[in-house]
Amino acid sequence: MSVKNLKIWLLAFVLTTVSLGSFAQDNVPYGINYQAVARDNFGKELTSKDIDVKFSIIKETPLGTMVYQELYSHVTTSKYGVFSLVIGKGTATGGIYNSFSQIDWSKANHFLKVEVKFENDFIDMGTMQFLAVPYALYAQKSLEPGPAGPKGDPGPKGESGDPATDNQYLSYIGDTLSISNGNKVGLTNQLQDLVLDVNNKLKITKNASATAIDLAPFK
């Protein structure tokens, strides 16, 4: 079959980008998944064939400026004629930028031109516009930290009673309970001793009016 009779049908065309993940700039992978089925002009799959694929990214119009071009050499189709590539991972061969990661997706519309070589020459398989999905690559810029803002003025000092400024500490020394920056409370009257006298009556020592408890019946 001559190259002039060769016709590649791209039956399945998938453009996806890996999601922005862990939310750090360095983790954003550059690349766009591309998958297609290669067929001849009779509709028969080109199975287990060696082909070359060239991707060109063009801005503004399909005939505009080529910003990046890359080549995949010796791509082998599967037993079903399928081949899968990642746009941005090939060998750079031309364009304004030397790498896929330098493309500024925000400046203009961008188009993808696909060329396939089966025998001697590359065949132009057409040009199509990138839509929303590849622009997720540009959305990563929202993850970049901006410059630090000016330092604000000091806030007013908290008033008394503000938990942020009114830290207090309790202490117990001897028989006195006190709070820092506050009053002291004597606990002398609260300290009692129990005494069992010779008549088997249980008394407390510091309250003469307290009723003694006769424990003789329990002896």
N, C-alpha and C. Protein backbone atom coordinates (compact mmCIF):
# COMPACT_ATOMS: atom_id res chain seq x y z
N MET A 1 0.86 -1.19 0.00
CA MET A 1 0.00 0.00 0.00
C MET A 1 0.89 1.23 0.00
N SER A 2 0.68 2.16 -0.91
CA SER A 2 1.51 3.37 -0.98
C SER A 2 1.03 4.36 0.06
N VAL A 3 1.90 5.32 0.40
CA VAL A 3 1.56 6.30 1.40
C VAL A 3 0.39 7.17 0.94
N LYS A 4 0.23 7.33 -0.39
CA LYS A 4 -0.87 8.15 -0.89
C LYS A 4 -2.22 7.50 -0.61
N ASN A 5 -2.25 6.17 -0.56
CA ASN A 5 -3.51 5.47 -0.32
C ASN A 5 -3.81 5.31 1.17
N LEU A 6 -2.83 5.68 1.99
CA LEU A 6 -3.01 5.49 3.42
C LEU A 6 -3.92 6.57 4.00
N LYS A 7 -4.87 6.13 4.77
CA LYS A 7 -5.75 7.08 5.43
C LYS A 7 -5.93 6.63 6.87
N ILE A 8 -5.58 7.45 7.80
CA ILE A 8 -5.69 7.12 9.22
C ILE A 8 -6.98 7.72 9.76
N TRP A 9 -7.80 6.91 10.32
CA TRP A 9 -9.04 7.38 10.94
C TRP A 9 -8.86 7.42 12.45
N LEU A 10 -9.04 8.57 13.02
CA LEU A 10 -8.93 8.71 14.47
C LEU A 10 -10.32 8.53 15.06
N LEU A 11 -10.62 7.27 15.39
CA LEU A 11 -11.97 6.96 15.87
C LEU A 11 -12.16 7.37 17.33
N ALA A 12 -11.10 7.27 18.08
CA ALA A 12 -11.24 7.60 19.50
C ALA A 12 -10.24 8.68 19.83
N PHE A 13 -10.73 9.79 20.28
CA PHE A 13 -9.84 10.90 20.59
C PHE A 13 -10.16 11.37 22.00
N VAL A 14 -9.22 11.22 22.89
CA VAL A 14 -9.46 11.53 24.29
C VAL A 14 -8.45 12.56 24.74
N LEU A 15 -8.93 13.65 25.27
CA LEU A 15 -8.06 14.67 25.83
C LEU A 15 -8.41 14.81 27.31
N THR A 16 -7.49 14.43 28.15
CA THR A 16 -7.72 14.58 29.59
C THR A 16 -6.45 15.06 30.23
N THR A 17 -6.58 15.73 31.33
CA THR A 17 -5.42 16.09 32.14
C THR A 17 -5.60 15.48 33.51
N VAL A 18 -4.50 15.08 34.12
CA VAL A 18 -4.56 14.54 35.47
C VAL A 18 -4.95 15.67 36.41
N SER A 19 -5.83 15.41 37.38
CA SER A 19 -6.34 16.46 38.24
C SER A 19 -5.23 17.08 39.07
N LEU A 20 -5.51 18.28 39.64
CA LEU A 20 -4.47 19.03 40.32
C LEU A 20 -4.23 18.46 41.72
N GLY A 21 -4.56 17.41 42.17
CA GLY A 21 -4.06 16.71 43.27
C GLY A 21 -3.73 17.28 44.53
N SER A 22 -2.71 17.06 45.26
CA SER A 22 -2.29 17.46 46.53
C SER A 22 -2.24 18.94 46.74
N PHE A 23 -2.50 19.76 45.71
CA PHE A 23 -2.65 21.19 45.75
C PHE A 23 -1.36 21.92 45.96
N ALA A 24 -0.25 21.29 45.32
CA ALA A 24 1.04 21.98 45.31
C ALA A 24 1.51 22.10 43.88
N GLN A 25 2.12 23.23 43.57
CA GLN A 25 2.47 23.53 42.19
C GLN A 25 3.36 22.45 41.59
N ASP A 26 4.33 21.94 42.37
CA ASP A 26 5.29 20.97 41.83
C ASP A 26 4.64 19.64 41.51
N ASN A 27 3.42 19.40 42.00
CA ASN A 27 2.78 18.12 41.78
C ASN A 27 1.90 18.09 40.54
N VAL A 28 1.77 19.23 39.85
CA VAL A 28 0.91 19.27 38.67
C VAL A 28 1.65 18.67 37.49
N PRO A 29 1.18 17.54 36.94
CA PRO A 29 1.89 16.91 35.83
C PRO A 29 1.52 17.58 34.51
N TYR A 30 2.52 17.92 33.72
CA TYR A 30 2.26 18.50 32.41
C TYR A 30 2.06 17.39 31.40
N GLY A 31 0.96 17.42 30.69
CA GLY A 31 0.70 16.42 29.67
C GLY A 31 -0.79 16.27 29.42
N ILE A 32 -1.14 15.90 28.19
CA ILE A 32 -2.52 15.68 27.80
C ILE A 32 -2.60 14.30 27.15
N ASN A 33 -3.41 13.42 27.70
CA ASN A 33 -3.55 12.07 27.16
C ASN A 33 -4.21 12.10 25.78
N TYR A 34 -3.65 11.32 24.87
CA TYR A 34 -4.19 11.24 23.50
C TYR A 34 -4.26 9.77 23.12
N GLN A 35 -5.41 9.34 22.65
CA GLN A 35 -5.58 7.94 22.23
C GLN A 35 -6.37 7.91 20.93
N ALA A 36 -5.95 7.06 20.02
CA ALA A 36 -6.64 6.97 18.74
C ALA A 36 -6.49 5.57 18.17
N VAL A 37 -7.33 5.25 17.17
CA VAL A 37 -7.25 3.99 16.44
C VAL A 37 -6.81 4.31 15.01
N ALA A 38 -5.76 3.64 14.55
CA ALA A 38 -5.26 3.85 13.20
C ALA A 38 -5.89 2.83 12.25
N ARG A 39 -6.47 3.33 11.15
CA ARG A 39 -7.09 2.46 10.16
C ARG A 39 -6.64 2.89 8.76
N ASP A 40 -6.69 1.97 7.82
CA ASP A 40 -6.38 2.33 6.44
C ASP A 40 -7.64 2.86 5.76
N ASN A 41 -7.52 3.17 4.45
CA ASN A 41 -8.65 3.78 3.76
C ASN A 41 -9.81 2.82 3.52
N PHE A 42 -9.61 1.55 3.85
CA PHE A 42 -10.69 0.57 3.74
C PHE A 42 -11.36 0.33 5.09
N GLY A 43 -10.90 1.02 6.11
CA GLY A 43 -11.48 0.87 7.45
C GLY A 43 -10.85 -0.24 8.26
N LYS A 44 -9.81 -0.85 7.76
CA LYS A 44 -9.16 -1.95 8.47
C LYS A 44 -8.13 -1.39 9.44
N GLU A 45 -8.15 -1.94 10.66
CA GLU A 45 -7.20 -1.48 11.68
C GLU A 45 -5.76 -1.78 11.26
N LEU A 46 -4.88 -0.81 11.51
CA LEU A 46 -3.45 -1.01 11.29
C LEU A 46 -2.88 -1.62 12.55
N THR A 47 -2.91 -2.92 12.63
CA THR A 47 -2.52 -3.63 13.85
C THR A 47 -1.03 -3.90 13.88
N SER A 48 -0.47 -3.69 15.07
CA SER A 48 0.96 -3.97 15.31
C SER A 48 1.84 -3.33 14.25
N LYS A 49 1.55 -2.07 13.93
CA LYS A 49 2.32 -1.33 12.94
C LYS A 49 3.19 -0.27 13.61
N ASP A 50 4.33 0.00 12.99
CA ASP A 50 5.24 1.02 13.49
C ASP A 50 4.94 2.34 12.79
N ILE A 51 4.57 3.38 13.55
CA ILE A 51 4.24 4.67 12.97
C ILE A 51 4.98 5.77 13.73
N ASP A 52 5.08 6.94 13.10
CA ASP A 52 5.58 8.15 13.77
C ASP A 52 4.42 9.12 13.88
N VAL A 53 4.38 9.84 15.00
CA VAL A 53 3.29 10.80 15.25
C VAL A 53 3.90 12.15 15.61
N LYS A 54 3.38 13.19 14.97
CA LYS A 54 3.86 14.55 15.24
C LYS A 54 2.68 15.40 15.72
N PHE A 55 2.88 16.08 16.86
CA PHE A 55 1.88 16.99 17.40
C PHE A 55 2.40 18.43 17.27
N SER A 56 1.55 19.32 16.78
CA SER A 56 1.88 20.74 16.71
C SER A 56 0.79 21.52 17.43
N ILE A 57 1.18 22.42 18.31
CA ILE A 57 0.22 23.27 19.02
C ILE A 57 0.33 24.68 18.45
N ILE A 58 -0.79 25.18 17.97
CA ILE A 58 -0.85 26.44 17.24
C ILE A 58 -1.78 27.39 17.98
N LYS A 59 -1.42 28.66 18.05
CA LYS A 59 -2.26 29.61 18.77
C LYS A 59 -3.01 30.52 17.82
N GLU A 60 -4.12 31.04 18.32
CA GLU A 60 -4.99 32.03 17.69
C GLU A 60 -5.89 31.45 16.61
N THR A 61 -5.35 30.83 15.56
CA THR A 61 -6.15 30.23 14.50
C THR A 61 -5.48 28.93 14.07
N PRO A 62 -6.21 28.05 13.34
CA PRO A 62 -5.58 26.80 12.88
C PRO A 62 -4.36 27.03 11.99
N LEU A 63 -4.27 28.21 11.39
CA LEU A 63 -3.13 28.55 10.54
C LEU A 63 -2.22 29.59 11.20
N GLY A 64 -2.37 29.72 12.52
CA GLY A 64 -1.61 30.74 13.24
C GLY A 64 -0.18 30.31 13.55
N THR A 65 0.36 30.89 14.60
CA THR A 65 1.75 30.65 14.98
C THR A 65 1.88 29.34 15.74
N MET A 66 2.84 28.51 15.32
CA MET A 66 3.10 27.26 16.03
C MET A 66 3.95 27.58 17.26
N VAL A 67 3.40 27.30 18.44
CA VAL A 67 4.12 27.61 19.67
C VAL A 67 4.94 26.43 20.16
N TYR A 68 4.55 25.22 19.76
CA TYR A 68 5.29 24.03 20.23
C TYR A 68 5.01 22.86 19.30
N GLN A 69 6.05 22.08 19.04
CA GLN A 69 5.90 20.88 18.22
C GLN A 69 6.76 19.76 18.81
N GLU A 70 6.24 18.53 18.76
CA GLU A 70 7.00 17.41 19.28
C GLU A 70 6.75 16.17 18.42
N LEU A 71 7.67 15.23 18.53
CA LEU A 71 7.63 14.03 17.69
C LEU A 71 7.71 12.78 18.55
N TYR A 72 6.90 11.80 18.19
CA TYR A 72 6.99 10.45 18.76
C TYR A 72 7.41 9.51 17.62
N SER A 73 8.56 8.89 17.78
CA SER A 73 9.06 7.98 16.75
C SER A 73 8.83 6.54 17.15
N HIS A 74 8.56 5.70 16.14
CA HIS A 74 8.42 4.25 16.33
C HIS A 74 7.36 3.91 17.38
N VAL A 75 6.18 4.45 17.16
CA VAL A 75 5.03 4.12 18.00
C VAL A 75 4.38 2.87 17.43
N THR A 76 4.21 1.85 18.23
CA THR A 76 3.63 0.59 17.75
C THR A 76 2.16 0.51 18.14
N THR A 77 1.31 0.31 17.15
CA THR A 77 -0.12 0.17 17.44
C THR A 77 -0.38 -1.21 18.06
N SER A 78 -1.48 -1.33 18.78
CA SER A 78 -1.82 -2.59 19.42
C SER A 78 -2.44 -3.55 18.40
N LYS A 79 -2.83 -4.72 18.86
CA LYS A 79 -3.46 -5.69 17.97
C LYS A 79 -4.84 -5.23 17.51
N TYR A 80 -5.33 -4.13 18.12
CA TYR A 80 -6.60 -3.55 17.69
C TYR A 80 -6.37 -2.24 16.91
N GLY A 81 -5.12 -1.88 16.70
CA GLY A 81 -4.80 -0.65 15.99
C GLY A 81 -4.76 0.59 16.87
N VAL A 82 -4.84 0.40 18.18
CA VAL A 82 -4.87 1.52 19.11
C VAL A 82 -3.45 1.98 19.44
N PHE A 83 -3.28 3.29 19.55
CA PHE A 83 -2.03 3.83 20.10
C PHE A 83 -2.37 4.95 21.07
N SER A 84 -1.61 5.04 22.12
CA SER A 84 -1.84 6.03 23.17
C SER A 84 -0.57 6.81 23.43
N LEU A 85 -0.69 8.12 23.50
CA LEU A 85 0.46 8.99 23.74
C LEU A 85 0.07 10.07 24.74
N VAL A 86 1.07 10.78 25.23
CA VAL A 86 0.83 11.92 26.11
C VAL A 86 1.44 13.15 25.45
N ILE A 87 0.58 14.05 25.03
CA ILE A 87 1.06 15.29 24.42
C ILE A 87 1.84 16.08 25.48
N GLY A 88 3.05 16.41 25.16
CA GLY A 88 3.92 17.12 26.10
C GLY A 88 5.08 16.28 26.56
N LYS A 89 5.09 14.98 26.23
CA LYS A 89 6.15 14.08 26.66
C LYS A 89 7.03 13.61 25.50
N GLY A 90 6.77 14.14 24.29
CA GLY A 90 7.56 13.73 23.14
C GLY A 90 8.86 14.51 23.03
N THR A 91 9.56 14.32 21.89
CA THR A 91 10.80 15.04 21.63
C THR A 91 10.48 16.36 20.94
N ALA A 92 10.85 17.48 21.57
CA ALA A 92 10.56 18.80 21.00
C ALA A 92 11.30 18.97 19.68
N THR A 93 10.58 19.43 18.66
CA THR A 93 11.18 19.59 17.32
C THR A 93 10.98 20.98 16.74
N GLY A 94 10.26 21.87 17.41
CA GLY A 94 10.08 23.20 16.85
C GLY A 94 9.09 24.01 17.65
N GLY A 95 8.87 25.25 17.18
CA GLY A 95 7.94 26.14 17.84
C GLY A 95 8.64 27.23 18.61
N ILE A 96 7.83 28.15 19.18
CA ILE A 96 8.39 29.26 19.96
C ILE A 96 9.03 28.76 21.24
N TYR A 97 8.38 27.78 21.87
CA TYR A 97 8.85 27.29 23.17
C TYR A 97 9.62 25.98 23.01
N ASN A 98 10.56 25.78 23.91
CA ASN A 98 11.37 24.57 23.89
C ASN A 98 10.73 23.42 24.66
N SER A 99 9.74 23.72 25.48
CA SER A 99 9.08 22.67 26.25
C SER A 99 7.59 22.95 26.35
N PHE A 100 6.83 21.90 26.52
CA PHE A 100 5.37 21.99 26.62
C PHE A 100 4.94 22.84 27.80
N SER A 101 5.71 22.78 28.90
CA SER A 101 5.34 23.48 30.13
C SER A 101 5.41 25.00 29.98
N GLN A 102 6.06 25.50 28.93
CA GLN A 102 6.19 26.95 28.76
C GLN A 102 4.99 27.57 28.05
N ILE A 103 4.09 26.78 27.53
CA ILE A 103 2.95 27.32 26.79
C ILE A 103 2.06 28.14 27.72
N ASP A 104 1.73 29.34 27.31
CA ASP A 104 0.84 30.21 28.09
C ASP A 104 -0.57 30.04 27.53
N TRP A 105 -1.36 29.18 28.17
CA TRP A 105 -2.70 28.88 27.68
C TRP A 105 -3.67 30.05 27.84
N SER A 106 -3.30 31.05 28.60
CA SER A 106 -4.23 32.15 28.90
C SER A 106 -4.25 33.22 27.83
N LYS A 107 -3.28 33.25 26.93
CA LYS A 107 -3.13 34.37 26.01
C LYS A 107 -4.03 34.29 24.78
N ALA A 108 -4.36 33.08 24.32
CA ALA A 108 -5.14 32.96 23.08
C ALA A 108 -5.74 31.56 23.00
N ASN A 109 -6.62 31.35 22.01
CA ASN A 109 -7.10 30.01 21.71
C ASN A 109 -5.94 29.18 21.15
N HIS A 110 -5.97 27.89 21.44
CA HIS A 110 -4.91 27.00 20.95
C HIS A 110 -5.52 25.83 20.19
N PHE A 111 -4.78 25.35 19.20
CA PHE A 111 -5.24 24.29 18.32
C PHE A 111 -4.20 23.17 18.27
N LEU A 112 -4.66 21.94 18.05
CA LEU A 112 -3.77 20.78 17.94
C LEU A 112 -3.80 20.26 16.51
N LYS A 113 -2.62 20.19 15.91
CA LYS A 113 -2.47 19.60 14.58
C LYS A 113 -1.79 18.25 14.73
N VAL A 114 -2.37 17.20 14.11
CA VAL A 114 -1.84 15.84 14.22
C VAL A 114 -1.35 15.39 12.84
N GLU A 115 -0.14 14.85 12.83
CA GLU A 115 0.43 14.29 11.60
C GLU A 115 0.95 12.89 11.89
N VAL A 116 0.72 11.96 10.97
CA VAL A 116 1.12 10.56 11.16
C VAL A 116 1.92 10.10 9.94
N LYS A 117 3.03 9.40 10.21
CA LYS A 117 3.83 8.83 9.13
C LYS A 117 3.82 7.32 9.23
N PHE A 118 3.36 6.66 8.14
CA PHE A 118 3.31 5.20 8.11
C PHE A 118 4.44 4.62 7.26
N GLU A 119 4.73 5.27 6.15
CA GLU A 119 5.80 4.79 5.28
C GLU A 119 6.88 5.87 5.12
N ASN A 120 6.68 6.82 4.19
CA ASN A 120 7.74 7.76 3.89
C ASN A 120 7.46 9.19 4.36
N ASP A 121 6.25 9.64 4.23
CA ASP A 121 5.93 11.04 4.51
C ASP A 121 4.86 11.15 5.59
N PHE A 122 4.88 12.31 6.25
CA PHE A 122 3.83 12.60 7.22
C PHE A 122 2.55 13.00 6.50
N ILE A 123 1.44 12.51 7.00
CA ILE A 123 0.13 12.85 6.47
C ILE A 123 -0.58 13.74 7.48
N ASP A 124 -1.09 14.87 7.02
CA ASP A 124 -1.81 15.80 7.88
C ASP A 124 -3.18 15.21 8.20
N MET A 125 -3.42 14.92 9.47
CA MET A 125 -4.69 14.32 9.88
C MET A 125 -5.70 15.34 10.34
N GLY A 126 -5.35 16.63 10.25
CA GLY A 126 -6.31 17.67 10.62
C GLY A 126 -5.89 18.44 11.86
N THR A 127 -6.59 19.54 12.07
CA THR A 127 -6.33 20.44 13.20
C THR A 127 -7.63 20.69 13.94
N MET A 128 -7.58 20.61 15.25
CA MET A 128 -8.79 20.83 16.05
C MET A 128 -8.45 21.75 17.23
N GLN A 129 -9.45 22.44 17.71
CA GLN A 129 -9.23 23.40 18.79
C GLN A 129 -9.26 22.72 20.15
N PHE A 130 -8.34 23.13 21.01
CA PHE A 130 -8.40 22.72 22.41
C PHE A 130 -9.58 23.44 23.05
N LEU A 131 -10.32 22.72 23.88
CA LEU A 131 -11.43 23.33 24.59
C LEU A 131 -11.07 23.50 26.06
N ALA A 132 -11.98 23.16 26.96
CA ALA A 132 -11.79 23.52 28.36
C ALA A 132 -10.71 22.71 29.06
N VAL A 133 -10.61 21.41 28.75
CA VAL A 133 -9.80 20.53 29.59
C VAL A 133 -8.34 20.95 29.70
N PRO A 134 -7.63 21.24 28.59
CA PRO A 134 -6.23 21.59 28.75
C PRO A 134 -5.99 22.84 29.56
N TYR A 135 -7.00 23.68 29.70
CA TYR A 135 -6.81 24.91 30.43
C TYR A 135 -6.70 24.67 31.94
N ALA A 136 -6.93 23.43 32.37
CA ALA A 136 -6.64 23.10 33.78
C ALA A 136 -5.17 23.26 34.06
N LEU A 137 -4.33 23.18 33.02
CA LEU A 137 -2.90 23.40 33.20
C LEU A 137 -2.64 24.84 33.63
N TYR A 138 -3.43 25.76 33.09
CA TYR A 138 -3.25 27.15 33.48
C TYR A 138 -3.83 27.42 34.85
N ALA A 139 -4.85 26.64 35.24
CA ALA A 139 -5.50 26.85 36.53
C ALA A 139 -4.56 26.60 37.68
N GLN A 140 -3.47 25.87 37.44
CA GLN A 140 -2.52 25.59 38.52
C GLN A 140 -1.93 26.88 39.08
N LYS A 141 -1.95 27.97 38.30
CA LYS A 141 -1.34 29.20 38.78
C LYS A 141 -2.07 29.75 39.99
N SER A 142 -3.31 29.31 40.21
CA SER A 142 -4.01 29.74 41.41
C SER A 142 -3.39 29.14 42.66
N LEU A 143 -2.55 28.11 42.48
CA LEU A 143 -1.88 27.49 43.61
C LEU A 143 -0.61 28.22 44.00
N GLU A 144 -0.14 29.13 43.17
CA GLU A 144 1.10 29.83 43.46
C GLU A 144 0.84 30.89 44.53
N PRO A 145 1.64 30.93 45.61
CA PRO A 145 1.41 31.94 46.66
C PRO A 145 1.71 33.34 46.14
N GLY A 146 0.88 34.28 46.51
CA GLY A 146 1.11 35.67 46.13
C GLY A 146 2.09 36.35 47.05
N PRO A 147 2.46 37.60 46.74
CA PRO A 147 3.41 38.32 47.60
C PRO A 147 2.80 38.62 48.96
N ALA A 148 3.64 38.72 49.96
CA ALA A 148 3.18 39.02 51.32
C ALA A 148 2.64 40.44 51.38
N GLY A 149 1.53 40.62 52.06
CA GLY A 149 0.94 41.94 52.21
C GLY A 149 1.64 42.75 53.30
N PRO A 150 1.32 44.05 53.39
CA PRO A 150 1.96 44.89 54.42
C PRO A 150 1.52 44.47 55.82
N LYS A 151 2.42 44.66 56.77
CA LYS A 151 2.14 44.29 58.15
C LYS A 151 1.10 45.23 58.74
N GLY A 152 0.10 44.68 59.38
CA GLY A 152 -0.97 45.49 59.95
C GLY A 152 -0.56 46.17 61.25
N ASP A 153 -1.37 47.18 61.66
CA ASP A 153 -1.10 47.88 62.91
C ASP A 153 -1.43 46.98 64.10
N PRO A 154 -0.73 47.17 65.23
CA PRO A 154 -1.04 46.37 66.43
C PRO A 154 -2.47 46.62 66.89
N GLY A 155 -3.13 45.61 67.33
CA GLY A 155 -4.48 45.76 67.84
C GLY A 155 -4.50 46.34 69.24
N PRO A 156 -5.67 46.78 69.72
CA PRO A 156 -5.77 47.34 71.07
C PRO A 156 -5.53 46.27 72.13
N LYS A 157 -4.99 46.73 73.27
CA LYS A 157 -4.73 45.82 74.39
C LYS A 157 -6.05 45.34 74.97
N GLY A 158 -6.11 44.05 75.28
CA GLY A 158 -7.34 43.50 75.83
C GLY A 158 -7.68 44.08 77.18
N GLU A 159 -8.96 44.24 77.46
CA GLU A 159 -9.40 44.77 78.74
C GLU A 159 -9.35 43.69 79.82
N SER A 160 -9.47 44.14 81.07
CA SER A 160 -9.46 43.21 82.19
C SER A 160 -10.58 42.19 82.04
N GLY A 161 -10.27 40.94 82.26
CA GLY A 161 -11.26 39.89 82.11
C GLY A 161 -11.15 39.18 80.77
N ASP A 162 -10.39 39.75 79.86
CA ASP A 162 -10.17 39.10 78.57
C ASP A 162 -9.35 37.84 78.79
N PRO A 163 -9.86 36.66 78.43
CA PRO A 163 -9.10 35.41 78.67
C PRO A 163 -7.71 35.43 78.07
N ALA A 164 -7.52 36.24 77.00
CA ALA A 164 -6.22 36.28 76.36
C ALA A 164 -5.19 37.02 77.18
N THR A 165 -5.64 37.89 78.10
CA THR A 165 -4.69 38.71 78.85
C THR A 165 -4.79 38.50 80.36
N ASP A 166 -5.87 37.89 80.85
CA ASP A 166 -6.12 37.79 82.28
C ASP A 166 -5.79 36.39 82.79
N ASN A 167 -4.56 35.99 82.63
CA ASN A 167 -4.14 34.68 83.10
C ASN A 167 -3.97 34.71 84.62
N GLN A 168 -4.55 33.74 85.33
CA GLN A 168 -4.50 33.68 86.77
C GLN A 168 -3.96 32.31 87.22
N TYR A 169 -3.38 32.29 88.43
CA TYR A 169 -2.82 31.06 88.96
C TYR A 169 -3.30 30.87 90.40
N LEU A 170 -3.70 29.65 90.74
CA LEU A 170 -4.09 29.31 92.11
C LEU A 170 -2.90 28.73 92.85
N SER A 171 -2.76 29.10 94.14
CA SER A 171 -1.68 28.53 94.96
C SER A 171 -2.22 28.27 96.36
N TYR A 172 -1.65 27.26 97.02
CA TYR A 172 -2.07 26.90 98.39
C TYR A 172 -0.81 26.79 99.23
N ILE A 173 -0.65 27.73 100.17
CA ILE A 173 0.54 27.77 101.03
C ILE A 173 0.06 27.73 102.47
N GLY A 174 0.57 26.75 103.23
CA GLY A 174 0.12 26.58 104.61
C GLY A 174 -1.36 26.27 104.65
N ASP A 175 -2.14 27.16 105.24
CA ASP A 175 -3.59 26.98 105.25
C ASP A 175 -4.29 28.14 104.53
N THR A 176 -3.56 28.75 103.53
CA THR A 176 -4.12 29.88 102.79
C THR A 176 -4.20 29.57 101.30
N LEU A 177 -5.41 29.75 100.72
CA LEU A 177 -5.62 29.59 99.28
C LEU A 177 -5.65 30.97 98.66
N SER A 178 -4.84 31.19 97.60
CA SER A 178 -4.78 32.51 96.99
C SER A 178 -4.76 32.39 95.47
N ILE A 179 -5.18 33.50 94.79
CA ILE A 179 -5.16 33.58 93.34
C ILE A 179 -4.29 34.78 92.97
N SER A 180 -3.46 34.60 91.96
CA SER A 180 -2.58 35.69 91.58
C SER A 180 -3.40 36.89 91.15
N ASN A 181 -2.96 38.08 91.53
CA ASN A 181 -3.66 39.34 91.20
C ASN A 181 -5.08 39.35 91.78
N GLY A 182 -5.29 38.62 92.89
CA GLY A 182 -6.63 38.56 93.46
C GLY A 182 -6.58 38.43 94.98
N ASN A 183 -7.70 38.02 95.56
CA ASN A 183 -7.82 37.90 97.01
C ASN A 183 -7.27 36.58 97.52
N LYS A 184 -6.98 36.56 98.85
CA LYS A 184 -6.54 35.35 99.52
C LYS A 184 -7.64 34.88 100.45
N VAL A 185 -7.80 33.59 100.56
CA VAL A 185 -8.84 33.00 101.40
C VAL A 185 -8.18 32.10 102.43
N GLY A 186 -8.40 32.42 103.73
CA GLY A 186 -7.86 31.58 104.79
C GLY A 186 -8.72 30.35 104.98
N LEU A 187 -8.10 29.20 105.05
CA LEU A 187 -8.83 27.95 105.18
C LEU A 187 -8.62 27.32 106.56
N THR A 188 -8.17 28.15 107.52
CA THR A 188 -7.87 27.60 108.84
C THR A 188 -9.09 26.93 109.47
N ASN A 189 -10.25 27.61 109.37
CA ASN A 189 -11.45 27.08 110.00
C ASN A 189 -11.98 25.83 109.33
N GLN A 190 -11.46 25.54 108.18
CA GLN A 190 -11.96 24.39 107.46
C GLN A 190 -11.16 23.12 107.73
N LEU A 191 -10.03 23.27 108.43
CA LEU A 191 -9.19 22.12 108.73
C LEU A 191 -9.63 21.53 110.07
N GLN A 192 -10.07 20.28 110.07
CA GLN A 192 -10.61 19.64 111.26
C GLN A 192 -9.89 18.32 111.52
N ASP A 193 -9.88 17.95 112.83
CA ASP A 193 -9.35 16.64 113.22
C ASP A 193 -10.46 15.85 113.89
N LEU A 194 -10.47 14.54 113.70
CA LEU A 194 -11.42 13.67 114.37
C LEU A 194 -10.72 13.01 115.57
N VAL A 195 -11.45 12.98 116.71
CA VAL A 195 -10.88 12.39 117.93
C VAL A 195 -11.90 11.42 118.54
N LEU A 196 -11.43 10.25 118.93
CA LEU A 196 -12.27 9.27 119.63
C LEU A 196 -11.82 9.23 121.09
N ASP A 197 -12.70 9.72 122.04
CA ASP A 197 -12.26 9.81 123.43
C ASP A 197 -12.42 8.47 124.14
N VAL A 198 -12.11 8.48 125.46
CA VAL A 198 -12.12 7.24 126.24
C VAL A 198 -13.52 6.67 126.39
N ASN A 199 -14.53 7.51 126.16
CA ASN A 199 -15.92 7.05 126.28
C ASN A 199 -16.47 6.59 124.93
N ASN A 200 -15.57 6.41 123.99
CA ASN A 200 -15.95 5.94 122.65
C ASN A 200 -16.90 6.92 121.93
N LYS A 201 -16.66 8.24 122.19
CA LYS A 201 -17.42 9.26 121.48
C LYS A 201 -16.51 9.94 120.45
N LEU A 202 -17.03 10.05 119.20
CA LEU A 202 -16.28 10.64 118.10
C LEU A 202 -16.62 12.11 117.99
N LYS A 203 -15.55 12.97 118.06
CA LYS A 203 -15.75 14.41 118.02
C LYS A 203 -14.82 15.04 116.97
N ILE A 204 -15.20 16.26 116.52
CA ILE A 204 -14.27 17.07 115.74
C ILE A 204 -13.68 18.10 116.67
N THR A 205 -12.44 18.51 116.44
CA THR A 205 -11.69 19.26 117.44
C THR A 205 -11.99 20.75 117.46
N LYS A 206 -12.42 21.34 116.33
CA LYS A 206 -12.50 22.80 116.26
C LYS A 206 -13.93 23.32 116.15
N ASN A 207 -14.87 22.55 116.65
CA ASN A 207 -16.25 23.02 116.70
C ASN A 207 -16.91 22.43 117.95
N ALA A 208 -16.86 23.26 119.01
CA ALA A 208 -17.34 22.77 120.30
C ALA A 208 -18.82 22.47 120.29
N SER A 209 -19.57 23.13 119.39
CA SER A 209 -21.01 22.92 119.38
C SER A 209 -21.42 21.71 118.54
N ALA A 210 -20.44 21.09 117.87
CA ALA A 210 -20.78 19.94 117.04
C ALA A 210 -21.18 18.77 117.92
N THR A 211 -22.14 17.97 117.53
CA THR A 211 -22.64 16.84 118.30
C THR A 211 -21.68 15.65 118.18
N ALA A 212 -21.30 15.13 119.35
CA ALA A 212 -20.42 13.95 119.36
C ALA A 212 -21.23 12.71 118.99
N ILE A 213 -20.59 11.78 118.39
CA ILE A 213 -21.25 10.54 117.97
C ILE A 213 -20.78 9.42 118.90
N ASP A 214 -21.72 8.80 119.58
CA ASP A 214 -21.40 7.73 120.52
C ASP A 214 -21.24 6.42 119.75
N LEU A 215 -20.02 5.91 119.77
CA LEU A 215 -19.71 4.67 119.06
C LEU A 215 -19.69 3.45 119.97
N ALA A 216 -20.06 3.64 121.26
CA ALA A 216 -20.02 2.53 122.21
C ALA A 216 -20.87 1.35 121.77
N PRO A 217 -22.09 1.60 121.19
CA PRO A 217 -22.90 0.44 120.78
C PRO A 217 -22.25 -0.41 119.70
N PHE A 218 -21.30 0.18 118.99
CA PHE A 218 -20.66 -0.57 117.91
C PHE A 218 -19.36 -1.24 118.30
N LYS A 219 -18.99 -1.04 119.59
CA LYS A 219 -17.72 -1.59 120.02
C LYS A 219 -17.78 -3.11 120.08
